[in-house]
Amino acid sequence: MLNSNENTEFENSIIETNYSLQIRYRNYMKKNRDILVFDLGNKVSIYNHYISEKTNIEHWMAKDFLNNHLTKITNAYKQFDVRIIEGMLIEEAEKIQRIAKGSVITNQYIKYCIDNAIINNDTIKVEYNSSIRFLTNPFYNFKEGEYSNRKSIKSKMINKYLGNKKTTDNHKVIYNCISDHDCNEGQITKKSLSNSSNLSLRTINNYLKNYPVLNVLFDEVRELSATDKQLARKKYNKASKLLKRAS
């Protein structure tokens, strides 16, 4: 669930996370339940808040470490519902309590840090500390025998993507053609994208199906480049479908 303040102006810019990418491409992944791993085409810089259980936290730094870490989390995820953020805060706080030496972090102090982090959810600039290129589809329909071998299947798919230079080159061409589309020349279509990229229509369809970045970007540009008449027709068609479902 997204926070109603998602589009509110924040003092500090919103940072990308694995969770934000999952939310952005959620509908796309639900429509493509037959694909386990999605390639974003290039590495995307993100903030990763997970602390390893093997992290060394001395007793003298534990309290400050906890408070700073939880505040980074609320600042990195400030556009989302506070109930989602609270779950992350509790999980990370309890982990730090377990691994911190000296048992100096009490449950009362955890509650204080969580409350303090939520209040100060737009007070610092969080820096990127990781990157991600592949998204695992949580809606994938596993076939018989696949779930127990899911790690091996994912690894093979990722290696296939990484080893195909032609795939990477085509992705860049299509991305650039979508980004450079002149909305004044009319609505972008798969056919026009095929012409501008010098790639076949079949190739365009395949890439829009397999790459969420291209698919979502294409839909955004198609919406922006639509004429008033096309937008009106879309609203009419959407309203007609809703009426049919209600009847």
Protein backbone atom coordinates (compact mmCIF):
# COMPACT_ATOMS: atom_id res chain seq x y z
CA MET A 1 0.00 0.00 0.00
CA LEU A 2 1.36 3.38 -0.92
CA ASN A 3 1.20 6.33 1.38
CA SER A 4 -1.22 9.06 0.39
CA ASN A 5 1.76 11.42 0.65
CA GLU A 6 3.63 9.61 -2.15
CA ASN A 7 3.53 12.63 -4.47
CA THR A 8 4.15 15.21 -1.74
CA GLU A 9 7.16 17.48 -2.14
CA PHE A 10 9.93 16.25 0.15
CA GLU A 11 12.84 18.37 1.28
CA ASN A 12 15.28 15.60 0.33
CA SER A 13 14.97 13.67 -2.91
CA ILE A 14 13.42 10.20 -3.01
CA ILE A 15 15.98 7.44 -3.37
CA GLU A 16 15.58 4.17 -5.27
CA THR A 17 15.40 0.89 -3.35
CA ASN A 18 14.69 -2.72 -4.23
CA TYR A 19 11.23 -2.23 -2.72
CA SER A 20 10.49 0.88 -4.79
CA LEU A 21 11.45 -1.00 -7.95
CA GLN A 22 9.17 -3.89 -6.98
CA ILE A 23 6.31 -1.42 -6.49
CA ARG A 24 7.00 0.39 -9.78
CA TYR A 25 6.94 -2.81 -11.81
CA ARG A 26 4.36 -4.67 -9.71
CA ASN A 27 1.54 -4.61 -12.27
CA TYR A 28 3.93 -5.53 -15.06
CA MET A 29 5.21 -8.55 -13.15
CA LYS A 30 1.69 -9.68 -12.30
CA LYS A 31 0.85 -9.65 -16.01
CA ASN A 32 3.94 -11.72 -16.81
CA ARG A 33 3.73 -14.57 -14.31
CA ASP A 34 5.56 -16.84 -16.75
CA ILE A 35 8.84 -14.91 -16.32
CA LEU A 36 10.86 -15.57 -13.15
CA VAL A 37 13.66 -13.02 -13.57
CA PHE A 38 13.42 -9.60 -15.21
CA ASP A 39 16.46 -7.81 -16.60
CA LEU A 40 16.45 -4.04 -16.04
CA GLY A 41 18.98 -3.70 -18.86
CA ASN A 42 21.58 -1.92 -16.74
CA LYS A 43 22.55 -1.77 -13.09
CA VAL A 44 20.29 0.58 -11.13
CA SER A 45 21.76 2.30 -8.07
CA ILE A 46 19.76 1.62 -4.91
CA TYR A 47 19.94 1.99 -1.14
CA ASN A 48 20.05 -1.40 0.57
CA HIS A 49 19.13 -1.19 4.26
CA TYR A 50 19.74 -4.81 5.25
CA ILE A 51 22.42 -5.38 7.88
CA SER A 52 24.24 -8.70 7.90
CA GLU A 53 24.02 -10.86 11.02
CA LYS A 54 27.83 -10.99 10.89
CA THR A 55 28.23 -7.21 11.22
CA ASN A 56 30.58 -6.26 14.07
CA ILE A 57 28.92 -3.70 16.38
CA GLU A 58 30.87 -2.76 19.51
CA HIS A 59 28.88 -1.91 22.65
CA TRP A 60 30.05 1.71 22.70
CA MET A 61 28.66 2.41 19.23
CA ALA A 62 25.52 0.24 19.33
CA LYS A 63 22.99 2.91 20.35
CA ASP A 64 24.16 5.49 17.81
CA PHE A 65 24.43 2.80 15.15
CA LEU A 66 20.82 1.72 15.75
CA ASN A 67 19.41 5.24 15.80
CA ASN A 68 21.28 6.29 12.63
CA HIS A 69 20.41 3.10 10.77
CA LEU A 70 16.69 3.34 11.50
CA THR A 71 16.64 7.01 10.52
CA LYS A 72 18.25 6.15 7.18
CA ILE A 73 15.52 3.58 6.59
CA THR A 74 12.65 6.02 7.17
CA ASN A 75 14.33 8.58 4.93
CA ALA A 76 14.90 6.02 2.17
CA TYR A 77 11.30 4.78 2.25
CA LYS A 78 9.48 7.97 3.26
CA GLN A 79 7.08 7.88 0.29
CA PHE A 80 5.54 4.61 1.48
CA ASP A 81 2.93 3.73 4.08
CA VAL A 82 4.32 4.03 7.61
CA ARG A 83 2.98 0.55 8.45
CA ILE A 84 5.32 -0.97 5.85
CA ILE A 85 8.26 1.05 7.17
CA GLU A 86 7.54 0.02 10.77
CA GLY A 87 7.94 -3.64 9.83
CA MET A 88 11.38 -2.90 8.37
CA LEU A 89 12.37 -0.89 11.45
CA ILE A 90 11.36 -3.62 13.89
CA GLU A 91 13.16 -6.32 11.91
CA GLU A 92 16.40 -4.34 11.65
CA ALA A 93 16.25 -3.11 15.27
CA GLU A 94 15.82 -6.62 16.65
CA LYS A 95 18.68 -7.85 14.46
CA ILE A 96 21.02 -5.13 15.73
CA GLN A 97 19.94 -5.90 19.30
CA ARG A 98 20.99 -9.54 18.78
CA ILE A 99 24.39 -8.85 17.23
CA ALA A 100 25.45 -5.77 19.24
CA LYS A 101 28.03 -6.64 21.90
CA GLY A 102 27.28 -5.97 25.54
CA SER A 103 23.47 -6.13 25.35
CA VAL A 104 23.21 -2.35 25.73
CA ILE A 105 20.13 -2.01 23.51
CA THR A 106 16.92 -2.45 25.47
CA ASN A 107 13.40 -2.90 24.10
CA GLN A 108 12.56 0.54 25.45
CA TYR A 109 15.45 2.09 23.51
CA ILE A 110 14.33 0.27 20.35
CA LYS A 111 10.87 1.83 20.71
CA TYR A 112 12.45 5.26 21.20
CA CYS A 113 14.61 4.89 18.08
CA ILE A 114 11.69 3.69 15.96
CA ASP A 115 9.51 6.62 17.05
CA ASN A 116 12.38 9.05 16.51
CA ALA A 117 13.13 7.66 13.04
CA ILE A 118 9.50 7.95 11.94
CA ILE A 119 9.34 11.57 13.11
CA ASN A 120 12.58 12.42 11.26
CA ASN A 121 11.67 10.71 7.98
CA ASP A 122 12.77 13.63 5.79
CA THR A 123 15.78 15.08 7.55
CA ILE A 124 18.82 13.51 5.90
CA LYS A 125 20.06 12.65 2.42
CA VAL A 126 20.53 8.90 2.06
CA GLU A 127 23.39 7.78 -0.17
CA TYR A 128 23.23 4.88 -2.62
CA ASN A 129 25.21 1.91 -1.31
CA SER A 130 24.36 -0.88 -3.75
CA SER A 131 22.99 -1.64 -7.20
CA ILE A 132 20.58 -4.07 -8.82
CA ARG A 133 20.01 -5.25 -12.37
CA PHE A 134 17.70 -8.24 -12.00
CA LEU A 135 14.29 -8.41 -10.33
CA THR A 136 12.76 -11.68 -9.18
CA ASN A 137 9.07 -11.95 -9.98
CA PRO A 138 7.14 -12.68 -6.74
CA PHE A 139 4.09 -13.61 -8.84
CA TYR A 140 5.87 -16.25 -10.94
CA ASN A 141 3.87 -19.44 -11.45
CA PHE A 142 6.31 -22.23 -10.63
CA LYS A 143 5.93 -25.36 -12.70
CA GLU A 144 6.26 -28.81 -11.18
CA GLY A 145 9.74 -29.38 -9.78
CA GLU A 146 10.91 -25.78 -10.35
CA TYR A 147 10.54 -24.35 -6.85
CA SER A 148 13.18 -26.63 -5.30
CA ASN A 149 15.57 -25.64 -8.12
CA ARG A 150 14.63 -21.94 -8.23
CA LYS A 151 18.15 -20.71 -7.37
CA SER A 152 19.69 -22.70 -10.20
CA ILE A 153 16.99 -21.54 -12.64
CA LYS A 154 17.52 -17.89 -11.66
CA SER A 155 21.29 -18.24 -12.01
CA LYS A 156 20.99 -19.72 -15.51
CA MET A 157 18.61 -16.96 -16.62
CA ILE A 158 20.88 -14.22 -15.28
CA ASN A 159 23.96 -15.73 -16.94
CA LYS A 160 22.02 -15.94 -20.20
CA TYR A 161 21.14 -12.23 -20.01
CA LEU A 162 24.70 -11.23 -19.10
CA GLY A 163 26.24 -13.31 -21.87
CA ASN A 164 24.12 -11.87 -24.66
CA LYS A 165 25.75 -8.64 -25.89
CA LYS A 166 23.18 -8.30 -28.69
CA THR A 167 20.43 -8.21 -26.08
CA THR A 168 22.18 -5.39 -24.23
CA ASP A 169 22.72 -3.41 -27.45
CA ASN A 170 19.08 -3.77 -28.55
CA HIS A 171 17.89 -2.73 -25.09
CA LYS A 172 19.90 0.50 -25.32
CA VAL A 173 18.61 1.25 -28.84
CA ILE A 174 14.97 0.74 -27.85
CA TYR A 175 15.36 2.70 -24.60
CA ASN A 176 16.93 5.64 -26.43
CA CYS A 177 14.27 5.63 -29.16
CA ILE A 178 11.47 5.70 -26.60
CA SER A 179 13.19 8.43 -24.57
CA ASP A 180 13.88 10.55 -27.68
CA HIS A 181 10.36 10.28 -29.10
CA ASP A 182 9.00 13.70 -30.08
CA CYS A 183 5.49 13.87 -28.64
CA ASN A 184 4.64 16.63 -31.14
CA GLU A 185 4.94 14.08 -33.93
CA GLY A 186 2.07 12.03 -32.56
CA GLN A 187 1.56 9.08 -30.26
CA ILE A 188 4.33 6.53 -30.07
CA THR A 189 3.34 3.04 -31.21
CA LYS A 190 5.11 -0.28 -31.47
CA LYS A 191 5.21 0.18 -35.22
CA SER A 192 6.75 3.65 -35.00
CA LEU A 193 9.23 2.33 -32.44
CA SER A 194 10.12 -0.47 -34.83
CA ASN A 195 10.78 2.09 -37.58
CA SER A 196 12.86 4.44 -35.44
CA SER A 197 14.97 1.63 -33.97
CA ASN A 198 15.36 -0.35 -37.22
CA LEU A 199 14.30 -3.47 -35.32
CA SER A 200 11.51 -5.83 -36.30
CA LEU A 201 8.06 -5.52 -34.76
CA ARG A 202 8.51 -9.00 -33.28
CA THR A 203 11.73 -7.88 -31.58
CA ILE A 204 9.98 -4.81 -30.16
CA ASN A 205 7.15 -6.94 -28.78
CA ASN A 206 9.60 -9.36 -27.19
CA TYR A 207 11.60 -6.61 -25.50
CA LEU A 208 8.52 -4.80 -24.20
CA LYS A 209 7.36 -8.11 -22.74
CA ASN A 210 10.64 -9.13 -21.13
CA TYR A 211 12.02 -5.79 -19.92
CA PRO A 212 9.94 -3.86 -17.37
CA VAL A 213 11.97 -0.67 -17.78
CA LEU A 214 11.15 -0.53 -21.49
CA ASN A 215 7.52 -1.53 -21.02
CA VAL A 216 6.74 1.05 -18.34
CA LEU A 217 8.67 3.79 -20.17
CA PHE A 218 6.83 2.98 -23.40
CA ASP A 219 3.44 3.23 -21.66
CA GLU A 220 4.40 6.55 -20.06
CA VAL A 221 5.53 8.07 -23.38
CA ARG A 222 2.49 6.66 -25.17
CA GLU A 223 0.28 8.42 -22.63
CA LEU A 224 2.21 11.69 -22.95
CA SER A 225 2.20 11.60 -26.76
CA ALA A 226 -1.49 10.81 -27.13
CA THR A 227 -3.81 13.39 -28.69
CA ASP A 228 -6.83 14.74 -26.81
CA LYS A 229 -9.05 12.55 -29.00
CA GLN A 230 -7.06 9.43 -28.15
CA LEU A 231 -7.15 10.22 -24.45
CA ALA A 232 -10.91 10.80 -24.59
CA ARG A 233 -11.38 7.45 -26.38
CA LYS A 234 -9.28 5.71 -23.73
CA LYS A 235 -11.39 7.17 -20.91
CA TYR A 236 -14.56 6.15 -22.73
CA ASN A 237 -13.34 2.58 -23.24
CA LYS A 238 -12.28 2.32 -19.60
CA ALA A 239 -15.66 3.60 -18.40
CA SER A 240 -17.47 1.13 -20.69
CA LYS A 241 -15.51 -1.79 -19.24
CA LEU A 242 -16.36 -0.71 -15.69
CA LEU A 243 -20.07 -0.45 -16.56
CA LYS A 244 -20.04 -3.95 -18.10
CA ARG A 245 -18.42 -5.39 -14.98
CA ALA A 246 -20.98 -3.67 -12.76
CA SER A 247 -23.97 -4.88 -14.81
